[in-house]
């Protein structure tokens, strides 16, 4: 079965030093810095937690909150407001 815009229920790994934690919420795993060992540790622990907690459905459900069409419309509205249109 294919799930649009869901990453197919795969684990996501994000930096805590970006805006991405707002998107990933508790359905993603995070690394605190860009040191290779830190990133590797986050990956190993995340993969383990993903498997142990059977998180595939959680990731899919979280991803389904986002809609590219709606997001594009929101950006167009913002641009119109900024440009005074």
N, C-alpha and C. Protein backbone atom coordinates (compact mmCIF):
# COMPACT_ATOMS: atom_id res chain seq x y z
N UNK A 1 0.85 -1.18 0.00
CA UNK A 1 0.00 0.00 0.00
C UNK A 1 0.89 1.24 0.00
N UNK A 2 0.55 2.22 -0.78
CA UNK A 2 1.33 3.45 -0.86
C UNK A 2 0.64 4.56 -0.08
N UNK A 3 1.42 5.34 0.65
CA UNK A 3 0.89 6.45 1.44
C UNK A 3 1.48 7.75 0.90
N UNK A 4 0.67 8.64 0.34
CA UNK A 4 1.22 9.90 -0.19
C UNK A 4 1.78 10.77 0.92
N UNK A 5 2.93 11.38 0.66
CA UNK A 5 3.53 12.36 1.58
C UNK A 5 3.81 11.82 2.97
N UNK A 6 4.09 10.54 3.11
CA UNK A 6 4.30 9.99 4.44
C UNK A 6 5.70 9.47 4.66
N UNK A 7 6.55 9.47 3.65
CA UNK A 7 7.85 8.85 3.82
C UNK A 7 7.71 7.34 3.96
N UNK A 8 6.54 6.83 3.64
CA UNK A 8 6.26 5.39 3.68
C UNK A 8 6.44 4.81 5.07
N UNK A 9 6.26 5.63 6.09
CA UNK A 9 6.33 5.13 7.46
C UNK A 9 7.73 4.82 7.93
N UNK A 10 8.71 5.42 7.32
CA UNK A 10 10.12 5.21 7.70
C UNK A 10 10.53 6.22 8.75
N UNK A 11 11.51 5.88 9.58
CA UNK A 11 11.96 6.82 10.62
C UNK A 11 12.66 8.03 10.00
N UNK A 12 12.46 9.17 10.64
CA UNK A 12 13.11 10.41 10.19
C UNK A 12 14.12 10.85 11.24
N UNK A 13 15.24 11.39 10.80
CA UNK A 13 16.29 11.86 11.68
C UNK A 13 16.57 13.32 11.36
N UNK A 14 16.45 14.18 12.38
CA UNK A 14 16.49 15.61 12.18
C UNK A 14 17.41 16.27 13.20
N UNK A 15 17.88 17.44 12.84
CA UNK A 15 18.69 18.23 13.77
C UNK A 15 17.77 19.04 14.69
N UNK A 16 18.19 19.17 15.93
CA UNK A 16 17.45 20.02 16.86
C UNK A 16 17.75 21.49 16.62
N UNK A 17 18.72 21.79 15.74
CA UNK A 17 19.14 23.17 15.49
C UNK A 17 18.56 23.73 14.20
N UNK A 18 17.38 23.28 13.86
CA UNK A 18 16.67 23.77 12.67
C UNK A 18 15.21 23.96 13.05
N UNK A 19 14.39 24.28 12.08
CA UNK A 19 12.95 24.38 12.34
C UNK A 19 12.27 23.02 12.23
N UNK A 20 13.01 22.00 11.91
CA UNK A 20 12.41 20.69 11.65
C UNK A 20 11.77 20.02 12.86
N UNK A 21 12.21 20.27 14.10
CA UNK A 21 11.48 19.65 15.21
C UNK A 21 10.00 20.03 15.25
N UNK A 22 9.66 21.20 14.72
CA UNK A 22 8.25 21.59 14.64
C UNK A 22 7.47 20.64 13.74
N UNK A 23 8.14 20.15 12.72
CA UNK A 23 7.50 19.25 11.76
C UNK A 23 7.53 17.80 12.24
N UNK A 24 8.69 17.38 12.72
CA UNK A 24 8.85 15.98 13.11
C UNK A 24 8.15 15.60 14.39
N UNK A 25 8.03 16.56 15.30
CA UNK A 25 7.37 16.33 16.59
C UNK A 25 7.95 15.07 17.25
N UNK A 26 7.08 14.26 17.82
CA UNK A 26 7.56 13.05 18.48
C UNK A 26 7.54 11.84 17.54
N UNK A 27 7.37 12.10 16.26
CA UNK A 27 7.39 11.03 15.27
C UNK A 27 8.74 10.95 14.55
N UNK A 28 9.73 11.68 15.05
CA UNK A 28 11.07 11.68 14.45
C UNK A 28 12.10 11.53 15.56
N UNK A 29 13.34 11.34 15.15
CA UNK A 29 14.45 11.21 16.08
C UNK A 29 15.43 12.35 15.79
N UNK A 30 16.13 12.78 16.84
CA UNK A 30 16.91 14.01 16.73
C UNK A 30 18.36 13.83 17.16
N UNK A 31 19.22 14.60 16.49
CA UNK A 31 20.62 14.67 16.93
C UNK A 31 20.90 16.11 17.35
N UNK A 32 21.69 16.25 18.39
CA UNK A 32 21.95 17.54 19.04
C UNK A 32 23.02 18.37 18.35
N UNK A 33 23.90 17.73 17.60
CA UNK A 33 24.94 18.47 16.87
C UNK A 33 25.33 17.66 15.64
N UNK A 34 26.22 18.21 14.86
CA UNK A 34 26.57 17.59 13.59
C UNK A 34 27.86 16.77 13.65
N UNK A 35 28.28 16.42 14.84
CA UNK A 35 29.43 15.54 14.98
C UNK A 35 29.04 14.15 14.51
N UNK A 36 29.87 13.52 13.69
CA UNK A 36 29.50 12.20 13.16
C UNK A 36 29.11 11.18 14.23
N UNK A 37 29.83 11.14 15.33
CA UNK A 37 29.52 10.16 16.37
C UNK A 37 28.15 10.44 17.00
N UNK A 38 27.85 11.70 17.22
CA UNK A 38 26.54 12.07 17.78
C UNK A 38 25.42 11.66 16.83
N UNK A 39 25.61 11.95 15.55
CA UNK A 39 24.60 11.59 14.56
C UNK A 39 24.44 10.07 14.45
N UNK A 40 25.56 9.36 14.48
CA UNK A 40 25.51 7.91 14.41
C UNK A 40 24.78 7.33 15.62
N UNK A 41 25.07 7.85 16.81
CA UNK A 41 24.39 7.37 18.02
C UNK A 41 22.89 7.63 17.95
N UNK A 42 22.50 8.81 17.47
CA UNK A 42 21.07 9.12 17.34
C UNK A 42 20.41 8.16 16.36
N UNK A 43 21.12 7.84 15.29
CA UNK A 43 20.58 6.92 14.29
C UNK A 43 20.39 5.53 14.88
N UNK A 44 21.42 5.01 15.54
CA UNK A 44 21.34 3.66 16.12
C UNK A 44 20.22 3.59 17.15
N UNK A 45 20.16 4.56 18.05
CA UNK A 45 19.11 4.56 19.07
C UNK A 45 17.72 4.74 18.45
N UNK A 46 17.64 5.59 17.43
CA UNK A 46 16.36 5.82 16.76
C UNK A 46 15.84 4.60 16.05
N UNK A 47 16.71 3.91 15.33
CA UNK A 47 16.29 2.69 14.64
C UNK A 47 15.81 1.65 15.65
N UNK A 48 16.53 1.52 16.74
CA UNK A 48 16.13 0.58 17.78
C UNK A 48 14.76 0.95 18.36
N UNK A 49 14.57 2.22 18.70
CA UNK A 49 13.30 2.66 19.27
C UNK A 49 12.17 2.50 18.25
N UNK A 50 12.44 2.79 16.99
CA UNK A 50 11.43 2.65 15.93
C UNK A 50 10.94 1.21 15.86
N UNK A 51 11.88 0.27 15.91
CA UNK A 51 11.50 -1.15 15.84
C UNK A 51 10.79 -1.61 17.10
N UNK A 52 11.36 -1.29 18.26
CA UNK A 52 10.79 -1.74 19.54
C UNK A 52 9.38 -1.20 19.74
N UNK A 53 9.18 0.07 19.38
CA UNK A 53 7.88 0.73 19.60
C UNK A 53 6.94 0.62 18.41
N UNK A 54 7.34 -0.11 17.38
CA UNK A 54 6.52 -0.32 16.19
C UNK A 54 5.89 1.01 15.73
N UNK A 55 6.76 1.95 15.34
CA UNK A 55 6.34 3.33 15.08
C UNK A 55 5.89 3.62 13.66
N UNK A 56 5.86 2.63 12.78
CA UNK A 56 5.51 2.90 11.39
C UNK A 56 4.16 3.60 11.27
N UNK A 57 3.14 3.11 11.93
CA UNK A 57 1.81 3.73 11.82
C UNK A 57 1.82 5.14 12.42
N UNK A 58 2.56 5.34 13.50
CA UNK A 58 2.66 6.67 14.11
C UNK A 58 3.25 7.67 13.12
N UNK A 59 4.28 7.26 12.40
CA UNK A 59 4.92 8.14 11.42
C UNK A 59 3.95 8.45 10.28
N UNK A 60 3.24 7.44 9.82
CA UNK A 60 2.27 7.65 8.73
C UNK A 60 1.16 8.59 9.17
N UNK A 61 0.62 8.35 10.34
CA UNK A 61 -0.46 9.19 10.86
C UNK A 61 0.01 10.64 11.02
N UNK A 62 1.21 10.81 11.54
CA UNK A 62 1.76 12.17 11.71
C UNK A 62 1.93 12.86 10.36
N UNK A 63 2.48 12.15 9.40
CA UNK A 63 2.72 12.74 8.08
C UNK A 63 1.43 13.12 7.36
N UNK A 64 0.37 12.41 7.61
CA UNK A 64 -0.90 12.70 6.94
C UNK A 64 -1.51 14.03 7.39
N UNK A 65 -0.97 14.63 8.44
CA UNK A 65 -1.43 15.96 8.87
C UNK A 65 -1.06 17.04 7.86
N UNK A 66 -0.05 16.76 7.06
CA UNK A 66 0.51 17.76 6.16
C UNK A 66 -0.01 17.55 4.74
N UNK A 67 -0.37 18.66 4.11
CA UNK A 67 -0.95 18.61 2.77
C UNK A 67 -0.25 19.66 1.91
N UNK A 68 0.41 19.20 0.85
CA UNK A 68 1.18 20.13 0.00
C UNK A 68 0.29 21.18 -0.65
N UNK A 69 -0.91 20.80 -1.07
CA UNK A 69 -1.82 21.77 -1.71
C UNK A 69 -2.19 22.87 -0.72
N UNK A 70 -2.55 22.48 0.49
CA UNK A 70 -2.92 23.46 1.51
C UNK A 70 -1.74 24.37 1.85
N UNK A 71 -0.58 23.78 1.96
CA UNK A 71 0.62 24.57 2.27
C UNK A 71 0.90 25.59 1.17
N UNK A 72 0.79 25.17 -0.08
CA UNK A 72 1.01 26.09 -1.20
C UNK A 72 0.00 27.23 -1.16
N UNK A 73 -1.25 26.92 -0.87
CA UNK A 73 -2.27 27.97 -0.78
C UNK A 73 -1.96 28.95 0.35
N UNK A 74 -1.48 28.45 1.47
CA UNK A 74 -1.12 29.32 2.59
C UNK A 74 0.04 30.25 2.20
N UNK A 75 1.02 29.73 1.48
CA UNK A 75 2.13 30.56 1.03
C UNK A 75 1.65 31.64 0.07
N UNK A 76 0.80 31.28 -0.87
CA UNK A 76 0.28 32.27 -1.81
C UNK A 76 -0.48 33.37 -1.08
N UNK A 77 -1.28 32.99 -0.10
CA UNK A 77 -2.02 33.99 0.68
C UNK A 77 -1.06 34.91 1.43
N UNK A 78 -0.02 34.35 2.02
CA UNK A 78 0.98 35.15 2.74
C UNK A 78 1.68 36.12 1.79
N UNK A 79 2.08 35.62 0.62
CA UNK A 79 2.75 36.49 -0.36
C UNK A 79 1.82 37.63 -0.79
N UNK A 80 0.56 37.32 -1.03
CA UNK A 80 -0.41 38.35 -1.39
C UNK A 80 -0.52 39.41 -0.30
N UNK A 81 -0.59 38.96 0.96
CA UNK A 81 -0.67 39.91 2.07
C UNK A 81 0.58 40.76 2.16
N UNK A 82 1.74 40.16 2.00
CA UNK A 82 3.01 40.91 2.09
C UNK A 82 3.16 41.93 0.97
N UNK A 83 2.63 41.57 -0.20
CA UNK A 83 2.73 42.45 -1.36
C UNK A 83 1.57 43.43 -1.44
N UNK A 84 0.61 43.30 -0.52
CA UNK A 84 -0.54 44.20 -0.51
C UNK A 84 -1.50 43.94 -1.65
N UNK A 85 -1.58 42.71 -2.09
CA UNK A 85 -2.48 42.39 -3.22
C UNK A 85 -3.86 42.00 -2.73
